[in-house]
Every structure is written in C-alpha cells, then in structure tokens.
C-alpha cells in the first residue's frame, strides 16, 4: 500500500518480476480494513512514516490484522526502540540493518532502522 499515487509506476516497475505475489494498492493504510483485506500469511514490506509516533501507530495498525504474520520495515530508530520494548504488541521486533538518511530524497530527517517483525504465538497454559 502506498499513499502517494506518483509512486505507482516506479513501484510497478520494481515489483513486476514478482507477478501476482506482489500487489500495489494506492491508499492511505489507515483507511483499509486489514482484518478482511489481506490473505492469510501476508508479509508487510514498507517504508513507514519518518515521524516516530506515526510510524509506531501505523505498524501497530497493520500488525493488528490476524492475516499478517511478519514484516520488514524501515522506521525511525526511536520507533524501533518503542516497538521492541513493548511486549504487548504480540510482535517480536529485531533490528536487521541501518539505512542512510541520504538514501532518501530529500534526506530523511531522523536516524532510520530496518526491522523485521514476526507475530509471536500466544503463551499456552
């Protein structure tokens, strides 16, 4: 899902080789019913907002879908720390890489991290 319609063509070009296994939807993710709009076993791959608070809110919103089992996202460093420290999310969050601010145009205004997330199974008695 991408909010900016200007990115449709570049995304189609980049993801074309994946055929039907990659679907591009131009929409604000906050307006999508993710509980019914994703296939079981879906994976989130995303560059989230560079606002730490918004990034955390978006990751939590998306990961609330029972269909989503894992993700790989670029988020502000502060967001990564907040998600990793909060066991209540039901996600295991691990930093897998950094990414340079200059890799974005305009350059990102904050330090960014690439994190992997995976839904943790509920504790059994």
Protein backbone atom coordinates (compact mmCIF):
# COMPACT_ATOMS: atom_id res chain seq x y z
CA UNK A 1 0.00 0.00 0.00
CA UNK A 2 1.30 3.41 -0.96
CA UNK A 3 -0.35 6.71 -0.21
CA UNK A 4 1.40 8.70 -2.96
CA UNK A 5 -0.12 7.94 -6.39
CA UNK A 6 3.00 9.33 -8.09
CA UNK A 7 4.87 6.20 -6.98
CA UNK A 8 2.57 3.70 -8.71
CA UNK A 9 4.63 3.42 -11.91
CA UNK A 10 8.05 3.12 -10.20
CA UNK A 11 6.63 0.50 -7.83
CA UNK A 12 5.07 -1.47 -10.68
CA UNK A 13 8.40 -1.42 -12.47
CA UNK A 14 10.32 -2.60 -9.39
CA UNK A 15 7.82 -5.27 -8.33
CA UNK A 16 6.79 -6.51 -11.78
CA UNK A 17 9.02 -9.56 -11.63
CA UNK A 18 7.03 -10.88 -8.65
CA UNK A 19 3.84 -11.12 -10.69
CA UNK A 20 0.66 -11.78 -8.72
CA UNK A 21 2.52 -12.32 -5.44
CA UNK A 22 3.06 -8.55 -5.10
CA UNK A 23 0.05 -6.27 -5.20
CA UNK A 24 0.23 -2.46 -5.24
CA UNK A 25 -2.65 -0.52 -3.76
CA UNK A 26 -2.66 3.29 -3.74
CA UNK A 27 -4.38 4.21 -0.49
CA UNK A 28 -3.68 5.52 2.99
CA UNK A 29 -3.24 2.31 5.00
CA UNK A 30 -5.25 3.80 7.87
CA UNK A 31 -8.35 3.64 5.66
CA UNK A 32 -8.11 -0.09 4.83
CA UNK A 33 -9.91 -2.94 6.60
CA UNK A 34 -6.84 -5.10 7.11
CA UNK A 35 -8.68 -7.80 9.02
CA UNK A 36 -10.54 -8.77 5.86
CA UNK A 37 -8.39 -7.22 3.12
CA UNK A 38 -5.27 -9.39 3.37
CA UNK A 39 -4.64 -13.02 2.54
CA UNK A 40 -3.65 -15.37 5.38
CA UNK A 41 0.12 -15.45 5.87
CA UNK A 42 0.71 -11.96 4.42
CA UNK A 43 4.02 -10.16 4.85
CA UNK A 44 4.38 -6.40 5.26
CA UNK A 45 7.25 -4.73 3.40
CA UNK A 46 7.24 -1.00 3.94
CA UNK A 47 8.99 2.29 4.46
CA UNK A 48 6.94 3.85 7.21
CA UNK A 49 6.49 7.50 8.07
CA UNK A 50 9.61 9.26 9.38
CA UNK A 51 7.54 10.59 12.29
CA UNK A 52 8.33 8.17 15.17
CA UNK A 53 4.85 8.39 16.70
CA UNK A 54 3.06 7.90 13.38
CA UNK A 55 5.38 5.03 12.39
CA UNK A 56 4.61 3.16 15.64
CA UNK A 57 0.88 3.77 15.21
CA UNK A 58 0.96 2.53 11.60
CA UNK A 59 2.95 -0.61 12.43
CA UNK A 60 0.54 -1.41 15.26
CA UNK A 61 -2.46 -0.76 12.99
CA UNK A 62 -1.15 -3.01 10.23
CA UNK A 63 0.05 -5.74 12.59
CA UNK A 64 -3.37 -5.84 14.25
CA UNK A 65 -4.52 -7.85 11.23
CA UNK A 66 -4.53 -11.57 12.08
CA UNK A 67 -3.65 -12.25 8.43
CA UNK A 68 -0.24 -10.59 8.76
CA UNK A 69 2.45 -12.86 10.15
CA UNK A 70 5.70 -10.98 9.50
CA UNK A 71 7.13 -7.76 8.22
CA UNK A 72 10.26 -5.94 7.13
CA UNK A 73 10.00 -2.18 7.58
CA UNK A 74 12.12 0.95 7.55
CA UNK A 75 11.21 3.08 10.55
CA UNK A 76 12.80 5.80 12.67
CA UNK A 77 15.25 4.48 15.25
CA UNK A 78 13.05 5.73 18.09
CA UNK A 79 10.10 3.78 16.68
CA UNK A 80 12.17 0.61 16.52
CA UNK A 81 13.07 1.01 20.18
CA UNK A 82 9.43 1.62 21.17
CA UNK A 83 8.21 -1.46 19.31
CA UNK A 84 11.00 -3.68 20.65
CA UNK A 85 10.39 -2.56 24.24
CA UNK A 86 6.65 -3.15 24.14
CA UNK A 87 5.92 -6.85 24.54
CA UNK A 88 2.19 -6.09 24.49
CA UNK A 89 2.21 -5.73 20.69
CA UNK A 90 2.42 -9.51 20.17
CA UNK A 91 5.34 -8.92 17.83
CA UNK A 92 8.96 -9.95 18.04
CA UNK A 93 10.88 -6.99 16.61
CA UNK A 94 14.55 -7.30 15.65
CA UNK A 95 16.78 -4.68 14.04
CA UNK A 96 18.37 -6.21 10.96
CA UNK A 97 20.12 -3.22 9.39
CA UNK A 98 20.53 0.53 9.35
CA UNK A 99 19.91 2.70 6.34
CA UNK A 100 21.48 6.03 5.43
CA UNK A 101 19.43 9.20 5.63
CA UNK A 102 20.94 10.21 2.29
CA UNK A 103 19.35 7.17 0.62
CA UNK A 104 16.12 9.18 0.54
CA UNK A 105 15.25 12.36 -1.30
CA UNK A 106 15.03 14.65 0.39
CA UNK A 107 17.31 13.08 3.02
CA UNK A 108 15.46 11.62 5.99
CA UNK A 109 15.18 13.94 8.95
CA UNK A 110 15.90 11.19 11.50
CA UNK A 111 18.06 8.11 12.03
CA UNK A 112 16.39 5.10 10.41
CA UNK A 113 16.49 1.36 11.05
CA UNK A 114 15.38 -1.68 9.10
CA UNK A 115 13.49 -4.02 11.41
CA UNK A 116 11.99 -7.45 10.98
CA UNK A 117 8.86 -8.32 12.90
CA UNK A 118 7.13 -11.60 13.44
CA UNK A 119 3.92 -12.37 15.26
CA UNK A 120 4.67 -14.21 18.49
CA UNK A 121 2.45 -17.13 19.40
CA UNK A 122 0.32 -16.61 22.49
CA UNK A 123 1.54 -18.29 25.66
CA UNK A 124 -0.17 -21.57 26.36
CA UNK A 125 -1.02 -22.84 29.84
